Structures are given as C-alpha cells and as structure tokens.
Amino acid sequence: MSTLQEIQNRFMGEIAYVDDLSQIILKGHLVIEEIMTEAITRFVLHGEIAKDAKLQFHQKLTICRAISVDEENNPMWGLIAKINSLRNHLSHSLNDEERIKRINSLKSIYEQNFGAKALHEIEEMNQDSAVCMLAISGCLGFLHSFLAEIKRFEKLIQALNKTMNSGINA
C-alpha cells in the first residue's frame, strides 16, 4: 500500500505541468456536448422537459445521429465518439499507454475525414495536441451545420403548429 507521502508526490507529479492536450479535449468535449444538447432540446416540442433526462454524452450523440435528416451515417459522428472516448479516458485514468492508443485512434479517424496533409503542427503545440484541436474544430463545424438543420426543422414545426392550431384558441 502506498504511503500518504507517495500518494501526494504522485498527485503533485500529475499536476506539475499544464497538459495542453487534456485541456483541449476537456473543453472541446464540453462545447460539443452543449451543441448536441441544444439540438436535442430544439428538436423536441418541450425541450425544457428533455433537459431533465440528464442524458450522458453517448446518449446525446446517439439521439443526434437519429434525428439527423440525412447525415446519420456521416463519419464525423465517429470522430465525435472518439473524442468522447479520449475524454473519458483522461477523466478516469492516468494510464499513458491507453492515452496514446486513444489519441492514435482519434488521429486515424481525423485523417480519414480530413486527410493526413491537414495535420500541420500548430505553433507552440505538439502534434497530438494539434490533431485533437483540429479534430474538435472539424466536429464543431459539422455540428454547427447539424444545428442549423435542426433550427430549420424547429421553424417548420412551429409554422405547422401555428397553421394547424390557429382556430383552436380563437
């Protein structure tokens, strides 16, 4: 069993430096999740009630794929799932080998979607951090278009509701 001093030393070693990759993944994951949550609450008739479901990221991802008009099989959903997998690993494990595997898996999916030539190191950022940032940026662009699709659907439903129910409350 580890001593308290050994545990504290390990903790201090883990927080001794700012990990760009972890920050990028954790913050990017939050923004991705916010967009998916907005899409779901806009898609249903009573979004305020849907928020009470306390859906997990993977559940939100599955629902978003399901409500997509014509992008349900877009490989970007797989990239979003890989970001979630890496985020879960970073949040629940300190295993560097598994972290490397998950980053390589994310990189592979990124390259399939955007090509290897898109992977240029960003100034003052290592390649793993850069690929994570670029992958998240790609996902945000995709989700922006998806959310625009959901907003169009929401307006259509509102117009349909107004037309069908215009005489009911008169």
C-alpha atoms as a PDB file:
ATOM      1  CA  MET A   1       0.000   0.000   0.000  1.00  0.00           C
ATOM      2  CA  SER A   2       1.263   3.477  -0.797  1.00  0.00           C
ATOM      3  CA  THR A   3       2.099   5.936   1.927  1.00  0.00           C
ATOM      4  CA  LEU A   4       0.370   9.285   2.096  1.00  0.00           C
ATOM      5  CA  GLN A   5       3.622  10.934   1.023  1.00  0.00           C
ATOM      6  CA  GLU A   6       3.857   8.668  -2.055  1.00  0.00           C
ATOM      7  CA  ILE A   7       0.267   9.459  -2.967  1.00  0.00           C
ATOM      8  CA  GLN A   8       0.859  13.197  -2.549  1.00  0.00           C
ATOM      9  CA  ASN A   9       4.060  13.001  -4.606  1.00  0.00           C
ATOM     10  CA  ARG A  10       2.210  11.217  -7.391  1.00  0.00           C
ATOM     11  CA  PHE A  11      -0.530  13.829  -7.338  1.00  0.00           C
ATOM     12  CA  MET A  12       1.996  16.669  -7.443  1.00  0.00           C
ATOM     13  CA  GLY A  13       3.754  14.950 -10.350  1.00  0.00           C
ATOM     14  CA  GLU A  14       0.482  14.753 -12.269  1.00  0.00           C
ATOM     15  CA  ILE A  15      -0.318  18.447 -11.830  1.00  0.00           C
ATOM     16  CA  ALA A  16       3.233  19.757 -12.166  1.00  0.00           C
ATOM     17  CA  TYR A  17       2.627  20.889 -15.731  1.00  0.00           C
ATOM     18  CA  VAL A  18      -0.314  22.114 -17.756  1.00  0.00           C
ATOM     19  CA  ASP A  19      -1.319  19.418 -20.206  1.00  0.00           C
ATOM     20  CA  ASP A  20      -2.489  21.177 -23.384  1.00  0.00           C
ATOM     21  CA  LEU A  21      -3.985  18.013 -24.805  1.00  0.00           C
ATOM     22  CA  SER A  22      -6.137  17.372 -21.737  1.00  0.00           C
ATOM     23  CA  GLN A  23      -7.340  20.966 -21.681  1.00  0.00           C
ATOM     24  CA  ILE A  24      -8.192  20.877 -25.385  1.00  0.00           C
ATOM     25  CA  ILE A  25     -10.098  17.602 -25.080  1.00  0.00           C
ATOM     26  CA  LEU A  26     -11.931  18.519 -21.877  1.00  0.00           C
ATOM     27  CA  LYS A  27     -13.007  21.982 -23.058  1.00  0.00           C
ATOM     28  CA  GLY A  28     -13.756  20.840 -26.605  1.00  0.00           C
ATOM     29  CA  HIS A  29     -15.867  17.982 -25.288  1.00  0.00           C
ATOM     30  CA  LEU A  30     -17.925  20.458 -23.245  1.00  0.00           C
ATOM     31  CA  VAL A  31     -18.586  22.676 -26.267  1.00  0.00           C
ATOM     32  CA  ILE A  32     -19.515  19.656 -28.415  1.00  0.00           C
ATOM     33  CA  GLU A  33     -21.896  18.456 -25.716  1.00  0.00           C
ATOM     34  CA  GLU A  34     -23.517  21.889 -25.426  1.00  0.00           C
ATOM     35  CA  ILE A  35     -24.272  21.924 -29.153  1.00  0.00           C
ATOM     36  CA  MET A  36     -25.757  18.419 -29.047  1.00  0.00           C
ATOM     37  CA  THR A  37     -27.873  19.360 -26.020  1.00  0.00           C
ATOM     38  CA  GLU A  38     -29.179  22.435 -27.849  1.00  0.00           C
ATOM     39  CA  ALA A  39     -30.001  20.340 -30.916  1.00  0.00           C
ATOM     40  CA  ILE A  40     -31.982  17.843 -28.857  1.00  0.00           C
ATOM     41  CA  THR A  41     -33.895  20.487 -26.896  1.00  0.00           C
ATOM     42  CA  ARG A  42     -34.765  22.329 -30.123  1.00  0.00           C
ATOM     43  CA  PHE A  43     -35.853  19.151 -31.899  1.00  0.00           C
ATOM     44  CA  VAL A  44     -38.422  18.071 -29.336  1.00  0.00           C
ATOM     45  CA  LEU A  45     -41.595  20.006 -28.636  1.00  0.00           C
ATOM     46  CA  HIS A  46     -40.805  20.695 -24.992  1.00  0.00           C
ATOM     47  CA  GLY A  47     -37.040  20.987 -24.698  1.00  0.00           C
ATOM     48  CA  GLU A  48     -37.177  22.226 -21.137  1.00  0.00           C
ATOM     49  CA  ILE A  49     -38.574  18.835 -20.125  1.00  0.00           C
ATOM     50  CA  ALA A  50     -35.939  16.951 -22.124  1.00  0.00           C
ATOM     51  CA  LYS A  51     -33.202  18.638 -20.072  1.00  0.00           C
ATOM     52  CA  ASP A  52     -34.487  16.759 -17.012  1.00  0.00           C
ATOM     53  CA  ALA A  53     -33.499  13.451 -18.661  1.00  0.00           C
ATOM     54  CA  LYS A  54     -29.850  14.097 -17.679  1.00  0.00           C
ATOM     55  CA  LEU A  55     -28.596  12.265 -20.758  1.00  0.00           C
ATOM     56  CA  GLN A  56     -24.993  11.118 -20.934  1.00  0.00           C
ATOM     57  CA  PHE A  57     -22.750  12.277 -23.803  1.00  0.00           C
ATOM     58  CA  HIS A  58     -23.035   8.962 -25.660  1.00  0.00           C
ATOM     59  CA  GLN A  59     -26.838   9.046 -25.389  1.00  0.00           C
ATOM     60  CA  LYS A  60     -26.907  12.597 -26.753  1.00  0.00           C
ATOM     61  CA  LEU A  61     -24.635  11.543 -29.609  1.00  0.00           C
ATOM     62  CA  THR A  62     -26.939   8.632 -30.474  1.00  0.00           C
ATOM     63  CA  ILE A  63     -30.052  10.810 -30.372  1.00  0.00           C
ATOM     64  CA  CYS A  64     -28.416  13.482 -32.522  1.00  0.00           C
ATOM     65  CA  ARG A  65     -27.493  10.875 -35.125  1.00  0.00           C
ATOM     66  CA  ALA A  66     -31.064   9.573 -35.011  1.00  0.00           C
ATOM     67  CA  ILE A  67     -32.656  12.997 -35.563  1.00  0.00           C
ATOM     68  CA  SER A  68     -30.343  13.972 -38.395  1.00  0.00           C
ATOM     69  CA  VAL A  69     -32.234  14.302 -41.657  1.00  0.00           C
ATOM     70  CA  ASP A  70     -29.516  12.957 -43.949  1.00  0.00           C
ATOM     71  CA  GLU A  71     -26.224  12.862 -42.029  1.00  0.00           C
ATOM     72  CA  GLU A  72     -26.918   9.930 -39.693  1.00  0.00           C
ATOM     73  CA  ASN A  73     -24.084   7.915 -41.257  1.00  0.00           C
ATOM     74  CA  ASN A  74     -21.605  10.763 -41.578  1.00  0.00           C
ATOM     75  CA  PRO A  75     -18.185   9.651 -40.281  1.00  0.00           C
ATOM     76  CA  MET A  76     -17.988  12.825 -38.186  1.00  0.00           C
ATOM     77  CA  TRP A  77     -20.195  11.091 -35.615  1.00  0.00           C
ATOM     78  CA  GLY A  78     -17.404   8.533 -35.233  1.00  0.00           C
ATOM     79  CA  LEU A  79     -14.874  11.305 -34.695  1.00  0.00           C
ATOM     80  CA  ILE A  80     -17.107  12.810 -32.002  1.00  0.00           C
ATOM     81  CA  ALA A  81     -17.324   9.360 -30.377  1.00  0.00           C
ATOM     82  CA  LYS A  82     -13.502   9.092 -30.397  1.00  0.00           C
ATOM     83  CA  ILE A  83     -13.224  12.497 -28.714  1.00  0.00           C
ATOM     84  CA  ASN A  84     -15.661  11.263 -26.078  1.00  0.00           C
ATOM     85  CA  SER A  85     -13.638   8.074 -25.602  1.00  0.00           C
ATOM     86  CA  LEU A  86     -10.435  10.055 -25.138  1.00  0.00           C
ATOM     87  CA  ARG A  87     -12.157  12.478 -22.752  1.00  0.00           C
ATOM     88  CA  ASN A  88     -13.471   9.580 -20.685  1.00  0.00           C
ATOM     89  CA  HIS A  89     -10.008   8.068 -20.514  1.00  0.00           C
ATOM     90  CA  LEU A  90      -8.430  11.375 -19.480  1.00  0.00           C
ATOM     91  CA  SER A  91     -11.069  11.845 -16.793  1.00  0.00           C
ATOM     92  CA  HIS A  92     -10.849   8.360 -15.327  1.00  0.00           C
ATOM     93  CA  SER A  93      -7.313   7.086 -15.832  1.00  0.00           C
ATOM     94  CA  LEU A  94      -3.669   8.083 -15.662  1.00  0.00           C
ATOM     95  CA  ASN A  95      -2.574   5.229 -17.972  1.00  0.00           C
ATOM     96  CA  ASP A  96      -0.301   6.808 -20.611  1.00  0.00           C
ATOM     97  CA  GLU A  97      -0.249   3.737 -22.887  1.00  0.00           C
ATOM     98  CA  GLU A  98      -4.017   3.738 -23.235  1.00  0.00           C
ATOM     99  CA  ARG A  99      -3.974   7.509 -23.757  1.00  0.00           C
ATOM    100  CA  ILE A 100      -1.548   7.078 -26.665  1.00  0.00           C
ATOM    101  CA  LYS A 101      -3.759   4.358 -28.200  1.00  0.00           C
ATOM    102  CA  ARG A 102      -6.828   6.549 -27.999  1.00  0.00           C
ATOM    103  CA  ILE A 103      -5.029   9.565 -29.447  1.00  0.00           C
ATOM    104  CA  ASN A 104      -3.772   7.421 -32.339  1.00  0.00           C
ATOM    105  CA  SER A 105      -7.299   6.125 -32.913  1.00  0.00           C
ATOM    106  CA  LEU A 106      -8.644   9.693 -32.965  1.00  0.00           C
ATOM    107  CA  LYS A 107      -5.825  10.707 -35.323  1.00  0.00           C
ATOM    108  CA  SER A 108      -6.678   7.835 -37.679  1.00  0.00           C
ATOM    109  CA  ILE A 109     -10.344   8.861 -37.899  1.00  0.00           C
ATOM    110  CA  TYR A 110      -9.329  12.500 -38.325  1.00  0.00           C
ATOM    111  CA  GLU A 111      -7.055  11.571 -41.239  1.00  0.00           C
ATOM    112  CA  GLN A 112      -9.860   9.539 -42.846  1.00  0.00           C
ATOM    113  CA  ASN A 113     -12.121  12.602 -42.736  1.00  0.00           C
ATOM    114  CA  PHE A 114      -9.689  15.394 -43.478  1.00  0.00           C
ATOM    115  CA  GLY A 115      -6.564  13.740 -44.904  1.00  0.00           C
ATOM    116  CA  ALA A 116      -3.072  13.458 -43.457  1.00  0.00           C
ATOM    117  CA  LYS A 117      -1.905  16.642 -45.136  1.00  0.00           C
ATOM    118  CA  ALA A 118      -4.200  18.647 -42.861  1.00  0.00           C
ATOM    119  CA  LEU A 119      -2.090  17.641 -39.873  1.00  0.00           C
ATOM    120  CA  HIS A 120       0.349  20.510 -39.576  1.00  0.00           C
ATOM    121  CA  GLU A 121       1.812  21.338 -36.231  1.00  0.00           C
ATOM    122  CA  ILE A 122       0.363  24.482 -34.809  1.00  0.00           C
ATOM    123  CA  GLU A 123       2.883  26.918 -33.424  1.00  0.00           C
ATOM    124  CA  GLU A 124       3.971  26.016 -29.885  1.00  0.00           C
ATOM    125  CA  MET A 125       1.800  22.879 -29.808  1.00  0.00           C
ATOM    126  CA  ASN A 126       2.859  19.261 -30.110  1.00  0.00           C
ATOM    127  CA  GLN A 127       1.298  17.124 -32.839  1.00  0.00           C
ATOM    128  CA  ASP A 128      -1.047  15.203 -30.512  1.00  0.00           C
ATOM    129  CA  SER A 129      -2.485  18.422 -29.118  1.00  0.00           C
ATOM    130  CA  ALA A 130      -2.736  19.903 -32.600  1.00  0.00           C
ATOM    131  CA  VAL A 131      -4.598  16.898 -34.016  1.00  0.00           C
ATOM    132  CA  CYS A 132      -7.028  16.984 -31.090  1.00  0.00           C
ATOM    133  CA  MET A 133      -7.647  20.692 -31.607  1.00  0.00           C
ATOM    134  CA  LEU A 134      -8.145  20.228 -35.356  1.00  0.00           C
ATOM    135  CA  ALA A 135     -10.437  17.232 -34.803  1.00  0.00           C
ATOM    136  CA  ILE A 136     -12.578  19.210 -32.371  1.00  0.00           C
ATOM    137  CA  SER A 137     -12.666  22.166 -34.769  1.00  0.00           C
ATOM    138  CA  GLY A 138     -13.866  19.850 -37.540  1.00  0.00           C
ATOM    139  CA  CYS A 139     -16.537  18.413 -35.260  1.00  0.00           C
ATOM    140  CA  LEU A 140     -17.698  21.893 -34.274  1.00  0.00           C
ATOM    141  CA  GLY A 141     -18.077  22.853 -37.940  1.00  0.00           C
ATOM    142  CA  PHE A 142     -20.071  19.696 -38.612  1.00  0.00           C
ATOM    143  CA  LEU A 143     -22.255  20.210 -35.524  1.00  0.00           C
ATOM    144  CA  HIS A 144     -22.848  23.854 -36.497  1.00  0.00           C
ATOM    145  CA  SER A 145     -24.351  22.653 -39.792  1.00  0.00           C
ATOM    146  CA  PHE A 146     -26.308  19.971 -37.954  1.00  0.00           C
ATOM    147  CA  LEU A 147     -27.704  22.537 -35.512  1.00  0.00           C
ATOM    148  CA  ALA A 148     -28.708  24.786 -38.432  1.00  0.00           C
ATOM    149  CA  GLU A 149     -30.627  21.804 -39.852  1.00  0.00           C
ATOM    150  CA  ILE A 150     -32.370  21.304 -36.507  1.00  0.00           C
ATOM    151  CA  LYS A 151     -33.257  25.007 -36.308  1.00  0.00           C
ATOM    152  CA  ARG A 152     -34.871  24.811 -39.778  1.00  0.00           C
ATOM    153  CA  PHE A 153     -36.850  21.780 -38.602  1.00  0.00           C
ATOM    154  CA  GLU A 154     -37.899  23.658 -35.456  1.00  0.00           C
ATOM    155  CA  LYS A 155     -39.231  26.579 -37.559  1.00  0.00           C
ATOM    156  CA  LEU A 156     -41.104  24.165 -39.804  1.00  0.00           C
ATOM    157  CA  ILE A 157     -42.788  22.535 -36.795  1.00  0.00           C
ATOM    158  CA  GLN A 158     -43.669  25.944 -35.326  1.00  0.00           C
ATOM    159  CA  ALA A 159     -45.224  27.036 -38.625  1.00  0.00           C
ATOM    160  CA  LEU A 160     -47.117  23.759 -38.903  1.00  0.00           C
ATOM    161  CA  ASN A 161     -48.371  24.114 -35.339  1.00  0.00           C
ATOM    162  CA  LYS A 162     -49.485  27.687 -35.985  1.00  0.00           C
ATOM    163  CA  THR A 163     -51.324  26.677 -39.138  1.00  0.00           C
ATOM    164  CA  MET A 164     -52.991  23.594 -37.691  1.00  0.00           C
ATOM    165  CA  ASN A 165     -53.952  25.169 -34.388  1.00  0.00           C
ATOM    166  CA  SER A 166     -54.806  28.743 -35.482  1.00  0.00           C
ATOM    167  CA  GLY A 167     -58.549  28.307 -34.968  1.00  0.00           C
ATOM    168  CA  ILE A 168     -58.412  26.254 -31.788  1.00  0.00           C
ATOM    169  CA  ASN A 169     -57.582  29.078 -29.366  1.00  0.00           C
ATOM    170  CA  ALA A 170     -59.751  31.696 -31.080  1.00  0.00           C
END
